[in-house]
Amino acid sequence: MAKLTRRGFLGTATAATLVRGLPNLAKAPAGRRILTLVYDKSLGMMRAVERIVP
């Protein structure tokens, strides 16, 4: 496995976020975005859930 530095990790994480997020923003219908934080027991941490309400 390749050795991953902190800078490489941040770059990879940013690129993955942009690849997943940009297409959704472009095709999302107009409406209000509601961001909710929920506790995910399987992950053992909080995570964000986004809903679009017309």
PDB file of N, CA and C in Angstrom:
ATOM      1  N   MET A   1       0.847  -1.180   0.000  1.00  0.00           N
ATOM      2  CA  MET A   1       0.000   0.000   0.000  1.00  0.00           C
ATOM      3  C   MET A   1       0.888   1.236   0.000  1.00  0.00           C
ATOM      4  N   ALA A   2       0.480   2.261  -0.716  1.00  0.00           N
ATOM      5  CA  ALA A   2       1.271   3.472  -0.839  1.00  0.00           C
ATOM      6  C   ALA A   2       1.281   4.248   0.471  1.00  0.00           C
ATOM      7  N   LYS A   3       2.399   4.894   0.729  1.00  0.00           N
ATOM      8  CA  LYS A   3       2.512   5.719   1.921  1.00  0.00           C
ATOM      9  C   LYS A   3       1.780   7.030   1.669  1.00  0.00           C
ATOM     10  N   LEU A   4       0.852   7.396   2.533  1.00  0.00           N
ATOM     11  CA  LEU A   4       0.018   8.568   2.326  1.00  0.00           C
ATOM     12  C   LEU A   4       0.362   9.628   3.363  1.00  0.00           C
ATOM     13  N   THR A   5       0.763  10.797   2.897  1.00  0.00           N
ATOM     14  CA  THR A   5       1.070  11.895   3.797  1.00  0.00           C
ATOM     15  C   THR A   5      -0.201  12.674   4.119  1.00  0.00           C
ATOM     16  N   ARG A   6      -0.091  13.562   5.076  1.00  0.00           N
ATOM     17  CA  ARG A   6      -1.259  14.368   5.437  1.00  0.00           C
ATOM     18  C   ARG A   6      -1.703  15.244   4.271  1.00  0.00           C
ATOM     19  N   ARG A   7      -0.750  15.826   3.567  1.00  0.00           N
ATOM     20  CA  ARG A   7      -1.086  16.661   2.410  1.00  0.00           C
ATOM     21  C   ARG A   7      -1.757  15.840   1.313  1.00  0.00           C
ATOM     22  N   GLY A   8      -1.265  14.643   1.075  1.00  0.00           N
ATOM     23  CA  GLY A   8      -1.877  13.765   0.078  1.00  0.00           C
ATOM     24  C   GLY A   8      -3.274  13.334   0.474  1.00  0.00           C
ATOM     25  N   PHE A   9      -3.450  13.049   1.762  1.00  0.00           N
ATOM     26  CA  PHE A   9      -4.769  12.664   2.246  1.00  0.00           C
ATOM     27  C   PHE A   9      -5.769  13.804   2.078  1.00  0.00           C
ATOM     28  N   LEU A  10      -5.376  15.011   2.446  1.00  0.00           N
ATOM     29  CA  LEU A  10      -6.281  16.158   2.310  1.00  0.00           C
ATOM     30  C   LEU A  10      -6.634  16.416   0.851  1.00  0.00           C
ATOM     31  N   GLY A  11      -5.672  16.288  -0.042  1.00  0.00           N
ATOM     32  CA  GLY A  11      -5.940  16.468  -1.463  1.00  0.00           C
ATOM     33  C   GLY A  11      -6.891  15.414  -2.006  1.00  0.00           C
ATOM     34  N   THR A  12      -6.672  14.179  -1.601  1.00  0.00           N
ATOM     35  CA  THR A  12      -7.534  13.089  -2.053  1.00  0.00           C
ATOM     36  C   THR A  12      -8.951  13.251  -1.512  1.00  0.00           C
ATOM     37  N   ALA A  13      -9.077  13.617  -0.247  1.00  0.00           N
ATOM     38  CA  ALA A  13     -10.392  13.806   0.355  1.00  0.00           C
ATOM     39  C   ALA A  13     -11.141  14.968  -0.300  1.00  0.00           C
ATOM     40  N   THR A  14     -10.437  16.048  -0.591  1.00  0.00           N
ATOM     41  CA  THR A  14     -11.058  17.191  -1.247  1.00  0.00           C
ATOM     42  C   THR A  14     -11.532  16.832  -2.651  1.00  0.00           C
ATOM     43  N   ALA A  15     -10.705  16.126  -3.392  1.00  0.00           N
ATOM     44  CA  ALA A  15     -11.075  15.723  -4.748  1.00  0.00           C
ATOM     45  C   ALA A  15     -12.293  14.797  -4.734  1.00  0.00           C
ATOM     46  N   ALA A  16     -12.321  13.858  -3.805  1.00  0.00           N
ATOM     47  CA  ALA A  16     -13.458  12.937  -3.721  1.00  0.00           C
ATOM     48  C   ALA A  16     -14.738  13.673  -3.359  1.00  0.00           C
ATOM     49  N   THR A  17     -14.639  14.648  -2.475  1.00  0.00           N
ATOM     50  CA  THR A  17     -15.813  15.437  -2.094  1.00  0.00           C
ATOM     51  C   THR A  17     -16.341  16.238  -3.270  1.00  0.00           C
ATOM     52  N   LEU A  18     -15.449  16.843  -4.035  1.00  0.00           N
ATOM     53  CA  LEU A  18     -15.873  17.634  -5.189  1.00  0.00           C
ATOM     54  C   LEU A  18     -16.497  16.762  -6.272  1.00  0.00           C
ATOM     55  N   VAL A  19     -15.934  15.591  -6.496  1.00  0.00           N
ATOM     56  CA  VAL A  19     -16.472  14.697  -7.525  1.00  0.00           C
ATOM     57  C   VAL A  19     -17.875  14.241  -7.153  1.00  0.00           C
ATOM     58  N   ARG A  20     -18.102  13.973  -5.862  1.00  0.00           N
ATOM     59  CA  ARG A  20     -19.431  13.524  -5.434  1.00  0.00           C
ATOM     60  C   ARG A  20     -20.417  14.673  -5.325  1.00  0.00           C
ATOM     61  N   GLY A  21     -19.952  15.846  -4.948  1.00  0.00           N
ATOM     62  CA  GLY A  21     -20.859  16.947  -4.644  1.00  0.00           C
ATOM     63  C   GLY A  21     -21.247  17.825  -5.810  1.00  0.00           C
ATOM     64  N   LEU A  22     -20.353  18.090  -6.736  1.00  0.00           N
ATOM     65  CA  LEU A  22     -20.653  19.030  -7.814  1.00  0.00           C
ATOM     66  C   LEU A  22     -21.780  18.584  -8.739  1.00  0.00           C
ATOM     67  N   PRO A  23     -21.837  17.330  -9.192  1.00  0.00           N
ATOM     68  CA  PRO A  23     -22.953  16.937 -10.054  1.00  0.00           C
ATOM     69  C   PRO A  23     -24.310  17.065  -9.355  1.00  0.00           C
ATOM     70  N   ASN A  24     -24.366  16.800  -8.063  1.00  0.00           N
ATOM     71  CA  ASN A  24     -25.624  16.904  -7.334  1.00  0.00           C
ATOM     72  C   ASN A  24     -26.083  18.350  -7.219  1.00  0.00           C
ATOM     73  N   LEU A  25     -25.148  19.276  -7.062  1.00  0.00           N
ATOM     74  CA  LEU A  25     -25.520  20.682  -6.965  1.00  0.00           C
ATOM     75  C   LEU A  25     -26.069  21.197  -8.286  1.00  0.00           C
ATOM     76  N   ALA A  26     -25.541  20.708  -9.384  1.00  0.00           N
ATOM     77  CA  ALA A  26     -25.954  21.186 -10.699  1.00  0.00           C
ATOM     78  C   ALA A  26     -27.363  20.728 -11.054  1.00  0.00           C
ATOM     79  N   LYS A  27     -27.750  19.527 -10.663  1.00  0.00           N
ATOM     80  CA  LYS A  27     -29.058  18.996 -11.063  1.00  0.00           C
ATOM     81  C   LYS A  27     -30.100  19.047  -9.951  1.00  0.00           C
ATOM     82  N   ALA A  28     -29.767  19.645  -8.806  1.00  0.00           N
ATOM     83  CA  ALA A  28     -30.711  19.703  -7.692  1.00  0.00           C
ATOM     84  C   ALA A  28     -31.840  20.674  -8.001  1.00  0.00           C
ATOM     85  N   PRO A  29     -33.067  20.278  -7.701  1.00  0.00           N
ATOM     86  CA  PRO A  29     -34.192  21.179  -7.943  1.00  0.00           C
ATOM     87  C   PRO A  29     -34.163  22.356  -6.968  1.00  0.00           C
ATOM     88  N   ALA A  30     -34.851  23.414  -7.345  1.00  0.00           N
ATOM     89  CA  ALA A  30     -34.902  24.587  -6.478  1.00  0.00           C
ATOM     90  C   ALA A  30     -35.696  24.252  -5.223  1.00  0.00           C
ATOM     91  N   GLY A  31     -35.227  24.710  -4.108  1.00  0.00           N
ATOM     92  CA  GLY A  31     -35.905  24.465  -2.842  1.00  0.00           C
ATOM     93  C   GLY A  31     -34.977  24.779  -1.702  1.00  0.00           C
ATOM     94  N   ARG A  32     -35.505  24.643  -0.505  1.00  0.00           N
ATOM     95  CA  ARG A  32     -34.675  24.896   0.675  1.00  0.00           C
ATOM     96  C   ARG A  32     -33.887  23.656   1.038  1.00  0.00           C
ATOM     97  N   ARG A  33     -32.667  23.871   1.418  1.00  0.00           N
ATOM     98  CA  ARG A  33     -31.821  22.764   1.869  1.00  0.00           C
ATOM     99  C   ARG A  33     -31.831  22.747   3.383  1.00  0.00           C
ATOM    100  N   ILE A  34     -32.136  21.603   3.955  1.00  0.00           N
ATOM    101  CA  ILE A  34     -32.152  21.455   5.403  1.00  0.00           C
ATOM    102  C   ILE A  34     -31.051  20.482   5.781  1.00  0.00           C
ATOM    103  N   LEU A  35     -30.119  20.966   6.586  1.00  0.00           N
ATOM    104  CA  LEU A  35     -28.990  20.159   7.027  1.00  0.00           C
ATOM    105  C   LEU A  35     -29.232  19.748   8.472  1.00  0.00           C
ATOM    106  N   THR A  36     -29.199  18.445   8.739  1.00  0.00           N
ATOM    107  CA  THR A  36     -29.453  17.917  10.072  1.00  0.00           C
ATOM    108  C   THR A  36     -28.269  17.064  10.492  1.00  0.00           C
ATOM    109  N   LEU A  37     -27.847  17.232  11.734  1.00  0.00           N
ATOM    110  CA  LEU A  37     -26.799  16.380  12.281  1.00  0.00           C
ATOM    111  C   LEU A  37     -27.450  15.241  13.047  1.00  0.00           C
ATOM    112  N   VAL A  38     -27.040  14.023  12.744  1.00  0.00           N
ATOM    113  CA  VAL A  38     -27.578  12.843  13.417  1.00  0.00           C
ATOM    114  C   VAL A  38     -26.419  12.008  13.943  1.00  0.00           C
ATOM    115  N   TYR A  39     -26.681  11.270  15.018  1.00  0.00           N
ATOM    116  CA  TYR A  39     -25.672  10.377  15.565  1.00  0.00           C
ATOM    117  C   TYR A  39     -25.819   9.016  14.909  1.00  0.00           C
ATOM    118  N   ASP A  40     -24.764   8.554  14.268  1.00  0.00           N
ATOM    119  CA  ASP A  40     -24.764   7.261  13.597  1.00  0.00           C
ATOM    120  C   ASP A  40     -24.079   6.249  14.516  1.00  0.00           C
ATOM    121  N   LYS A  41     -24.860   5.316  15.054  1.00  0.00           N
ATOM    122  CA  LYS A  41     -24.312   4.344  16.008  1.00  0.00           C
ATOM    123  C   LYS A  41     -23.281   3.427  15.367  1.00  0.00           C
ATOM    124  N   SER A  42     -23.498   3.075  14.092  1.00  0.00           N
ATOM    125  CA  SER A  42     -22.562   2.163  13.439  1.00  0.00           C
ATOM    126  C   SER A  42     -21.202   2.823  13.234  1.00  0.00           C
ATOM    127  N   LEU A  43     -21.193   4.131  12.980  1.00  0.00           N
ATOM    128  CA  LEU A  43     -19.924   4.851  12.821  1.00  0.00           C
ATOM    129  C   LEU A  43     -19.375   5.327  14.154  1.00  0.00           C
ATOM    130  N   GLY A  44     -20.265   5.503  15.126  1.00  0.00           N
ATOM    131  CA  GLY A  44     -19.838   5.993  16.427  1.00  0.00           C
ATOM    132  C   GLY A  44     -19.541   7.477  16.419  1.00  0.00           C
ATOM    133  N   MET A  45     -20.195   8.226  15.533  1.00  0.00           N
ATOM    134  CA  MET A  45     -19.939   9.665  15.437  1.00  0.00           C
ATOM    135  C   MET A  45     -21.122  10.365  14.782  1.00  0.00           C
ATOM    136  N   MET A  46     -21.084  11.677  14.807  1.00  0.00           N
ATOM    137  CA  MET A  46     -22.133  12.465  14.173  1.00  0.00           C
ATOM    138  C   MET A  46     -21.876  12.526  12.669  1.00  0.00           C
ATOM    139  N   ARG A  47     -22.978  12.613  11.901  1.00  0.00           N
ATOM    140  CA  ARG A  47     -22.842  12.829  10.468  1.00  0.00           C
ATOM    141  C   ARG A  47     -23.944  13.746  10.000  1.00  0.00           C
ATOM    142  N   ALA A  48     -23.710  14.402   8.876  1.00  0.00           N
ATOM    143  CA  ALA A  48     -24.661  15.376   8.344  1.00  0.00           C
ATOM    144  C   ALA A  48     -25.575  14.700   7.328  1.00  0.00           C
ATOM    145  N   VAL A  49     -26.866  15.022   7.392  1.00  0.00           N
ATOM    146  CA  VAL A  49     -27.851  14.532   6.451  1.00  0.00           C
ATOM    147  C   VAL A  49     -28.509  15.760   5.844  1.00  0.00           C
ATOM    148  N   GLU A  50     -28.483  15.857   4.507  1.00  0.00           N
ATOM    149  CA  GLU A  50     -29.042  17.012   3.829  1.00  0.00           C
ATOM    150  C   GLU A  50     -30.313  16.612   3.092  1.00  0.00           C
ATOM    151  N   ARG A  51     -31.377  17.400   3.271  1.00  0.00           N
ATOM    152  CA  ARG A  51     -32.632  17.174   2.578  1.00  0.00           C
ATOM    153  C   ARG A  51     -32.980  18.424   1.782  1.00  0.00           C
ATOM    154  N   ILE A  52     -33.655  18.252   0.655  1.00  0.00           N
ATOM    155  CA  ILE A  52     -34.126  19.381  -0.136  1.00  0.00           C
ATOM    156  C   ILE A  52     -35.641  19.383  -0.065  1.00  0.00           C
ATOM    157  N   VAL A  53     -36.194  20.484   0.442  1.00  0.00           N
ATOM    158  CA  VAL A  53     -37.634  20.605   0.626  1.00  0.00           C
ATOM    159  C   VAL A  53     -38.151  21.656  -0.361  1.00  0.00           C
ATOM    160  N   PRO A  54     -39.172  21.313  -1.145  1.00  0.00           N
ATOM    161  CA  PRO A  54     -39.700  22.293  -2.111  1.00  0.00           C
ATOM    162  C   PRO A  54     -40.375  23.479  -1.452  1.00  0.00           C
TER     163      PRO A  54
END
